[in-house]
Amino acid sequence: MSRRNTDVPSVVSAPLPSPVPSEEYERCPVTDVLRRVGDKWTVLVIVLLGRRPYRFNELHRDIENISQRMLTRTLRGLETDGLVHREVFPTVPPSVEYSLTPLGRSLLVPLSALADWVIDHRGEIAAARHAAQ
C-alpha cells in the first residue's frame, strides 16, 4: 500500500519512464532487495529464523540439500543487509547463533502476505500454467 492510504500499491502508482532504462532498473533498491529475497534459500532461512534463533549447524540440519557454503553465503548476505544478527558466544569451540533483527522481523509481514496470496491463488496459477502447456 502507498503511504497515502489510497489503496493503490505504491509500486504501481510510481511513475516509470517508457521504456524503462535497464541501468535504472539495475540500480533500483526494490530490484536489489527482490534479488536477495528471491534467491533459492533466503525466504526459508528468514522464516525459520522468524520462529526462533538458530545455531549454524542446527539451521544447516533443518534445511535439506543446502550446502554449508550456500548457507554461509545466505546468512552473510542477510547480515550485511541488516536482516540477521550473528552472535558469537565465548565457548570452546566458539558457538554462533543467528536471529532476525527488528528489520528482519518486519520482513515477515510482507512475506506472509505474499505466502497467503499464493495459497489463495494456487489453483488459478496451476490452471494458467496447465493451459499454457
Foldseek 3Di string as FASTA:
>chain_A
DDPVPPPDPPVVVDDADVPHDPVCCVPDPVNVVCVLCVDDCQVVVLVVLLVDKDWLVRVVVVDPPDDSVNSVVNQVVCVVVQQKDWDWDPDVVITIIIHGDPVSNVVVVVVVVVVVVCVVCVVVVVVVVVVVD
